[in-house]
Amino acid sequence: MAERADDRLVRLLGLVAFLDGAGPVRVEELADRFGVTPRQVREDVDALWVSGTPGYMPDDLIDFDAFSLEDGVVSLTRARGMTRPLRLGTREAVALVAALRAMHASPAVQSDRRRAAVVASALDKLTAATGEAAGAVDVQLEGEGDPQVVAAVTTALAEGRRLHLRYVNAADVTTERDVDPLRLLTQDGAMYLVGWCLRVDGRRTFRVDRILDARVLDAAVAERDVEVAGDLGADVWASVAHRGAPAATLRLASAARWVAEEVPAESVRDLPDGTVEVRLRVTNPAWLRRLLLANAPDVVSVDPPDVARDVGQSARAALDAYAATGPVDSADEAAGSPTGAGRTAPPGPVG
């Protein structure tokens, strides 16, 4: 799966902070510490080497010892203030207080005592430092999913008890199952329960807003050595892949690379001509059709061919419906007259 841009940004900032305190470190050690390949570490250093403050002259950029890097050692020589203690203005502090209060009130934090304690500690310290301005902040979160379901899930996580779920998946199939809850996470505006499903004897990810009913059972969760990552990209992909969903392979222009970052994909491959090949699983063909139509200018090819034909037929139907409304005078349309107001050209067919 392609790396998300925000994930790389966090790692780049972490590299500078770590090197500033640790001193010269071998490339292999940095790769192991940050969970990437030595090649990726070198690419990160190359990116940092041309990063800095406005002016962007040599003295304004983050700098490394080039001779040390040739010997496989990364040595930071100029951090450009990246490691200075953060100083917040009043507006920034209030915004951070609001964010922490929202985080503290979220089910994902409330379901984990340790996380809740960390957030509460940071919130208390920042509120005290901000003073009266923090008292003007009132945060109320809009609930996601059935409140009874959210309450049952958070209770089960807090008390270490098993859940009985009635769940509808993306293919609109409803099942009932017992689940040992592991963690509650949020990603891309949705909340997910990661748990061990006894029905399939494996780890599964459940969107909370698709849980129709949740009941806390008396049984305690079983002890298992299960790793739960903080990023749900792979988990969301796995939950689709294991349902046997059909695969589609898209070749996209570089302008549509965001698809590889934001859509759970089975594989992503950069091609020599600058395009990117994305292979993904699809449980809802209408979703894929909308994705391709909305980004038609950047779609180079689609496989299997029947997907491309389906999207092409939809595009032609849209063109026919558009033509049926009658001709539009180009001068009127350019002038924004009522005959042309509000019309936009529909996306073209996918090649």
Protein backbone atom coordinates (compact mmCIF):
# COMPACT_ATOMS: atom_id res chain seq x y z
CA MET A 1 0.00 0.00 0.00
CA ALA A 2 1.26 3.47 -0.83
CA GLU A 3 2.41 5.51 2.12
CA ARG A 4 0.12 8.32 3.17
CA ALA A 5 1.69 11.78 2.89
CA ASP A 6 0.83 12.66 6.51
CA ASP A 7 2.51 9.45 7.75
CA ARG A 8 5.72 10.40 5.99
CA LEU A 9 5.57 13.94 7.37
CA VAL A 10 5.38 12.58 10.92
CA ARG A 11 8.40 10.36 10.26
CA LEU A 12 10.41 13.23 8.73
CA LEU A 13 9.80 15.38 11.80
CA GLY A 14 10.64 12.45 14.05
CA LEU A 15 13.93 11.84 12.24
CA VAL A 16 15.11 15.40 12.87
CA ALA A 17 14.11 15.31 16.55
CA PHE A 18 15.72 11.89 17.11
CA LEU A 19 18.99 12.75 15.36
CA ASP A 20 19.28 16.03 17.23
CA GLY A 21 19.30 14.15 20.53
CA ALA A 22 21.02 10.91 19.54
CA GLY A 23 23.82 12.24 17.37
CA PRO A 24 25.14 10.34 14.32
CA VAL A 25 23.25 7.08 13.71
CA ARG A 26 23.75 4.38 11.11
CA VAL A 27 21.21 4.19 8.30
CA GLU A 28 20.27 0.60 9.21
CA GLU A 29 19.60 1.54 12.82
CA LEU A 30 17.34 4.43 11.77
CA ALA A 31 15.49 2.14 9.37
CA ASP A 32 14.87 -0.39 12.15
CA ARG A 33 13.77 2.31 14.62
CA PHE A 34 11.28 3.93 12.23
CA GLY A 35 10.07 0.70 10.61
CA VAL A 36 11.19 1.48 7.04
CA THR A 37 13.90 0.32 4.65
CA PRO A 38 17.42 1.81 4.52
CA ARG A 39 16.56 3.10 1.05
CA GLN A 40 13.56 4.97 2.48
CA VAL A 41 15.78 6.55 5.16
CA ARG A 42 18.09 7.86 2.45
CA GLU A 43 15.12 9.23 0.51
CA ASP A 44 13.87 10.93 3.68
CA VAL A 45 17.28 12.54 4.23
CA ASP A 46 17.25 13.75 0.60
CA ALA A 47 13.83 15.33 1.20
CA LEU A 48 14.93 16.98 4.45
CA TRP A 49 18.07 18.26 2.79
CA VAL A 50 15.98 20.64 0.63
CA SER A 51 13.60 21.63 3.45
CA GLY A 52 13.92 24.72 5.60
CA THR A 53 12.70 28.24 6.22
CA PRO A 54 11.74 30.96 3.69
CA GLY A 55 14.68 32.23 1.74
CA TYR A 56 15.69 28.62 1.13
CA MET A 57 19.35 29.49 0.74
CA PRO A 58 21.90 26.92 2.00
CA ASP A 59 21.98 28.46 5.49
CA ASP A 60 18.17 28.29 5.68
CA LEU A 61 17.95 24.54 5.05
CA ILE A 62 18.17 21.47 7.30
CA ASP A 63 21.64 20.06 6.74
CA PHE A 64 23.52 16.76 7.13
CA ASP A 65 27.12 15.66 6.87
CA ALA A 66 27.43 14.38 3.29
CA PHE A 67 30.70 12.51 3.95
CA SER A 68 29.17 10.60 6.87
CA LEU A 69 26.17 9.62 4.75
CA GLU A 70 28.51 8.12 2.15
CA ASP A 71 29.78 5.86 4.95
CA GLY A 72 26.23 4.86 5.91
CA VAL A 73 25.89 7.20 8.90
CA VAL A 74 23.29 9.97 9.17
CA SER A 75 24.67 12.98 11.01
CA LEU A 76 22.46 16.06 11.48
CA THR A 77 24.49 19.29 11.41
CA ARG A 78 21.75 21.94 11.22
CA ALA A 79 18.23 21.40 12.61
CA ARG A 80 16.96 24.89 11.68
CA GLY A 81 15.08 25.26 14.96
CA MET A 82 12.98 22.13 14.45
CA THR A 83 13.80 20.97 17.98
CA ARG A 84 13.10 24.24 19.83
CA PRO A 85 10.33 24.01 22.46
CA LEU A 86 6.95 24.90 20.98
CA ARG A 87 5.53 28.27 22.01
CA LEU A 88 1.79 28.69 21.45
CA GLY A 89 -0.13 31.89 20.97
CA THR A 90 -3.50 32.28 22.72
CA ARG A 91 -5.46 31.35 19.62
CA GLU A 92 -3.30 28.27 19.01
CA ALA A 93 -3.57 27.19 22.65
CA VAL A 94 -7.37 27.52 22.65
CA ALA A 95 -7.59 25.49 19.43
CA LEU A 96 -5.44 22.77 21.00
CA VAL A 97 -7.56 22.79 24.18
CA ALA A 98 -10.68 22.30 22.04
CA ALA A 99 -9.04 19.43 20.17
CA LEU A 100 -7.94 17.73 23.40
CA ARG A 101 -11.40 18.09 24.94
CA ALA A 102 -12.94 16.54 21.83
CA MET A 103 -10.38 13.73 21.96
CA HIS A 104 -10.98 13.13 25.66
CA ALA A 105 -14.74 12.90 25.09
CA SER A 106 -14.43 10.46 22.18
CA PRO A 107 -15.35 6.80 22.76
CA ALA A 108 -11.99 5.68 21.34
CA VAL A 109 -10.19 7.42 24.22
CA GLN A 110 -12.76 6.73 26.93
CA SER A 111 -12.57 3.00 26.19
CA ASP A 112 -8.87 2.91 27.13
CA ARG A 113 -7.99 4.05 30.66
CA ARG A 114 -4.32 4.67 29.86
CA ARG A 115 -5.07 6.80 26.81
CA ALA A 116 -7.75 8.71 28.71
CA ALA A 117 -5.27 9.43 31.53
CA VAL A 118 -2.62 10.71 29.11
CA VAL A 119 -5.08 12.99 27.32
CA ALA A 120 -6.54 14.25 30.61
CA SER A 121 -3.07 15.07 31.93
CA ALA A 122 -2.12 17.03 28.82
CA LEU A 123 -5.48 18.81 28.85
CA ASP A 124 -5.15 19.85 32.50
CA LYS A 125 -1.67 21.28 31.97
CA LEU A 126 -2.58 23.17 28.82
CA THR A 127 -5.81 24.52 30.34
CA ALA A 128 -3.89 25.85 33.35
CA ALA A 129 -1.30 27.47 31.08
CA THR A 130 -3.93 29.03 28.80
CA GLY A 131 -5.86 30.64 31.65
CA GLU A 132 -9.28 32.26 31.27
CA ALA A 133 -9.36 31.85 27.49
CA ALA A 134 -9.64 28.07 27.87
CA GLY A 135 -12.83 28.48 29.91
CA ALA A 136 -14.62 29.89 26.88
CA VAL A 137 -14.21 26.66 24.94
CA ASP A 138 -17.21 24.31 24.90
CA VAL A 139 -16.89 21.12 22.86
CA GLN A 140 -19.82 18.82 22.16
CA LEU A 141 -19.26 15.84 19.89
CA GLU A 142 -21.93 14.57 17.56
CA GLY A 143 -22.40 10.88 18.22
CA GLU A 144 -21.46 8.32 15.58
CA GLY A 145 -23.61 5.24 15.40
CA ASP A 146 -26.28 4.05 17.79
CA PRO A 147 -25.57 5.46 21.30
CA GLN A 148 -26.52 2.10 22.83
CA VAL A 149 -23.98 0.36 20.59
CA VAL A 150 -21.23 2.85 21.38
CA ALA A 151 -21.95 2.55 25.12
CA ALA A 152 -21.83 -1.26 24.97
CA VAL A 153 -18.58 -1.27 23.01
CA THR A 154 -16.82 1.18 25.34
CA THR A 155 -18.08 -0.71 28.41
CA ALA A 156 -16.83 -4.03 27.05
CA LEU A 157 -13.42 -2.57 26.28
CA ALA A 158 -13.11 -0.89 29.67
CA GLU A 159 -14.17 -4.02 31.58
CA GLY A 160 -12.47 -6.61 29.37
CA ARG A 161 -15.68 -8.45 28.48
CA ARG A 162 -16.93 -10.19 25.36
CA LEU A 163 -19.50 -8.65 22.98
CA HIS A 164 -22.34 -10.17 20.98
CA LEU A 165 -22.78 -8.18 17.76
CA ARG A 166 -25.37 -8.00 15.03
CA TYR A 167 -23.46 -6.53 12.12
CA VAL A 168 -24.21 -5.56 8.51
CA ASN A 169 -21.21 -5.44 6.17
CA ALA A 170 -20.61 -3.35 3.03
CA ALA A 171 -22.35 -6.01 0.91
CA ASP A 172 -25.52 -5.56 3.03
CA VAL A 173 -25.21 -9.02 4.61
CA THR A 174 -26.25 -9.22 8.28
CA THR A 175 -24.54 -11.66 10.65
CA GLU A 176 -24.41 -12.29 14.39
CA ARG A 177 -21.17 -13.10 16.15
CA ASP A 178 -19.35 -13.04 19.49
CA VAL A 179 -16.29 -10.77 19.52
CA ASP A 180 -13.50 -10.15 22.00
CA PRO A 181 -12.96 -6.38 21.63
CA LEU A 182 -9.33 -5.28 21.32
CA ARG A 183 -9.37 -1.58 20.52
CA LEU A 184 -11.55 1.26 19.28
CA LEU A 185 -9.95 3.46 16.62
CA THR A 186 -10.98 6.32 14.35
CA GLN A 187 -9.79 6.92 10.81
CA ASP A 188 -11.01 9.17 7.99
CA GLY A 189 -14.03 10.30 9.99
CA ALA A 190 -15.25 6.79 10.85
CA MET A 191 -14.95 4.77 14.07
CA TYR A 192 -13.84 1.13 13.97
CA LEU A 193 -13.85 -1.68 16.50
CA VAL A 194 -10.91 -4.05 16.16
CA GLY A 195 -11.68 -7.39 17.74
CA TRP A 196 -11.15 -11.15 17.69
CA CYS A 197 -14.18 -12.72 16.04
CA LEU A 198 -14.97 -16.14 17.49
CA ARG A 199 -17.16 -16.96 14.49
CA VAL A 200 -14.19 -16.99 12.10
CA ASP A 201 -11.48 -17.43 14.77
CA GLY A 202 -9.53 -14.42 13.57
CA ARG A 203 -9.05 -10.69 13.93
CA ARG A 204 -11.66 -8.54 12.22
CA THR A 205 -12.45 -4.82 11.93
CA PHE A 206 -16.04 -3.57 12.31
CA ARG A 207 -17.32 -0.12 11.42
CA VAL A 208 -19.23 1.05 14.48
CA ASP A 209 -21.99 2.69 12.42
CA ARG A 210 -22.68 -0.73 10.83
CA ILE A 211 -23.16 -2.49 14.16
CA LEU A 212 -26.94 -2.87 14.44
CA ASP A 213 -26.89 -4.14 18.01
CA ALA A 214 -24.25 -4.81 20.67
CA ARG A 215 -24.66 -6.67 23.95
CA VAL A 216 -22.02 -7.02 26.68
CA LEU A 217 -21.65 -10.65 27.77
CA ASP A 218 -20.56 -12.01 31.14
CA ALA A 219 -17.59 -13.87 29.62
CA ALA A 220 -14.20 -12.20 29.89
CA VAL A 221 -12.09 -11.70 26.79
CA ALA A 222 -9.52 -14.44 26.19
CA GLU A 223 -5.82 -13.67 26.43
CA ARG A 224 -4.31 -13.55 22.92
CA ASP A 225 -1.08 -12.22 21.49
CA VAL A 226 -2.71 -10.03 18.83
CA GLU A 227 -1.00 -6.95 17.42
CA VAL A 228 -3.31 -3.97 16.89
CA ALA A 229 -1.80 -1.26 14.67
CA GLY A 230 -2.70 2.39 15.02
CA ASP A 231 -3.34 2.71 11.26
CA LEU A 232 -6.44 0.93 10.00
CA GLY A 233 -5.49 0.94 6.33
CA ALA A 234 -4.36 -2.69 6.30
CA ASP A 235 -7.19 -3.81 8.59
CA VAL A 236 -9.89 -2.20 6.45
CA TRP A 237 -8.33 -3.78 3.37
CA ALA A 238 -8.17 -7.19 5.06
CA SER A 239 -11.81 -7.04 6.16
CA VAL A 240 -12.80 -6.55 2.51
CA ALA A 241 -10.35 -9.03 1.03
CA HIS A 242 -11.44 -11.88 3.28
CA ARG A 243 -15.00 -11.52 2.03
CA GLY A 244 -13.83 -12.59 -1.45
CA ALA A 245 -14.65 -9.28 -3.08
CA PRO A 246 -13.72 -9.00 -6.78
CA ALA A 247 -10.53 -7.13 -7.67
CA ALA A 248 -10.06 -4.21 -10.03
CA THR A 249 -6.79 -2.78 -11.33
CA LEU A 250 -6.66 0.92 -12.17
CA ARG A 251 -3.85 2.72 -13.99
CA LEU A 252 -4.02 6.37 -13.06
CA ALA A 253 -2.20 9.54 -14.05
CA SER A 254 0.04 11.05 -11.39
CA ALA A 255 -2.60 13.69 -10.59
CA ALA A 256 -4.83 10.93 -9.21
CA ARG A 257 -2.21 9.40 -6.93
CA TRP A 258 -4.34 10.52 -3.97
CA VAL A 259 -6.50 7.45 -4.69
CA ALA A 260 -3.59 5.21 -3.67
CA GLU A 261 -3.19 7.15 -0.41
CA GLU A 262 -6.83 7.42 0.62
CA VAL A 263 -8.43 4.19 -0.64
CA PRO A 264 -7.46 0.85 1.00
CA ALA A 265 -5.56 -0.94 -1.77
CA GLU A 266 -4.17 -4.44 -2.18
CA SER A 267 -1.11 -3.16 -4.01
CA VAL A 268 0.29 0.05 -5.49
CA ARG A 269 2.97 0.17 -8.19
CA ASP A 270 4.70 3.18 -9.72
CA LEU A 271 5.16 2.69 -13.47
CA PRO A 272 8.07 4.03 -15.57
CA ASP A 273 5.84 6.45 -17.50
CA GLY A 274 4.83 8.28 -14.30
CA THR A 275 1.43 6.62 -13.90
CA VAL A 276 0.48 4.57 -10.86
CA GLU A 277 -1.17 1.13 -10.85
CA VAL A 278 -3.64 0.53 -8.02
CA ARG A 279 -5.21 -2.87 -7.34
CA LEU A 280 -8.16 -2.87 -4.97
CA ARG A 281 -11.11 -5.01 -3.90
CA VAL A 282 -14.63 -3.75 -4.55
CA THR A 283 -17.77 -4.84 -2.71
CA ASN A 284 -19.88 -2.03 -4.15
CA PRO A 285 -19.57 -1.59 -7.96
CA ALA A 286 -21.53 1.69 -7.78
CA TRP A 287 -18.80 3.14 -5.57
CA LEU A 288 -16.08 2.23 -8.10
CA ARG A 289 -18.21 3.62 -10.94
CA ARG A 290 -18.56 6.97 -9.16
CA LEU A 291 -14.83 7.06 -8.39
CA LEU A 292 -13.88 6.47 -12.02
CA LEU A 293 -16.44 8.90 -13.46
CA ALA A 294 -15.39 11.67 -11.08
CA ASN A 295 -11.74 11.20 -12.05
CA ALA A 296 -12.19 10.22 -15.70
CA PRO A 297 -9.52 12.59 -17.13
CA ASP A 298 -6.88 10.87 -14.96
CA VAL A 299 -7.95 7.26 -15.61
CA VAL A 300 -5.61 5.64 -18.15
CA SER A 301 -6.97 2.09 -18.08
CA VAL A 302 -9.22 -0.23 -16.07
CA ASP A 303 -9.11 -3.99 -15.68
CA PRO A 304 -11.19 -6.16 -15.91
CA PRO A 305 -12.65 -4.82 -19.19
CA ASP A 306 -16.28 -5.25 -18.07
CA VAL A 307 -15.69 -2.59 -15.39
CA ALA A 308 -14.47 -0.16 -18.05
CA ARG A 309 -17.49 -1.00 -20.25
CA ASP A 310 -19.88 -0.43 -17.33
CA VAL A 311 -18.34 2.97 -16.57
CA GLY A 312 -18.33 3.89 -20.27
CA GLN A 313 -22.02 3.02 -20.60
CA SER A 314 -22.83 5.14 -17.55
CA ALA A 315 -20.90 8.07 -19.03
CA ARG A 316 -22.69 7.74 -22.38
CA ALA A 317 -26.05 7.57 -20.61
CA ALA A 318 -25.17 10.76 -18.78
CA LEU A 319 -24.20 12.44 -22.06
CA ASP A 320 -27.46 11.32 -23.68
CA ALA A 321 -29.49 12.66 -20.75
CA TYR A 322 -27.56 15.92 -20.95
CA ALA A 323 -28.23 16.21 -24.70
CA ALA A 324 -31.93 15.51 -24.18
CA THR A 325 -32.30 18.77 -22.27
CA GLY A 326 -31.84 20.63 -25.56
CA PRO A 327 -29.05 22.66 -27.13
CA VAL A 328 -27.42 25.43 -25.15
CA ASP A 329 -26.20 28.58 -26.86
CA SER A 330 -22.51 28.92 -26.07
CA ALA A 331 -22.74 32.69 -25.81
CA ASP A 332 -25.60 32.43 -23.31
CA GLU A 333 -23.67 29.86 -21.30
CA ALA A 334 -20.55 32.00 -21.24
CA ALA A 335 -22.58 35.02 -20.14
CA GLY A 336 -24.21 33.02 -17.34
CA SER A 337 -27.75 33.42 -18.74
CA PRO A 338 -30.64 31.35 -17.30
CA THR A 339 -30.51 28.93 -20.24
CA GLY A 340 -27.00 27.93 -19.36
CA ALA A 341 -26.97 28.55 -15.61
CA GLY A 342 -26.10 25.66 -13.36
CA ARG A 343 -25.01 23.27 -16.14
CA THR A 344 -21.71 21.52 -16.01
CA ALA A 345 -20.26 19.11 -18.55
CA PRO A 346 -20.58 15.51 -17.42
CA PRO A 347 -17.44 13.40 -17.11
CA GLY A 348 -16.32 11.68 -20.28
CA PRO A 349 -16.10 7.92 -20.81
CA VAL A 350 -13.22 5.94 -19.38
CA GLY A 351 -10.77 4.57 -21.88
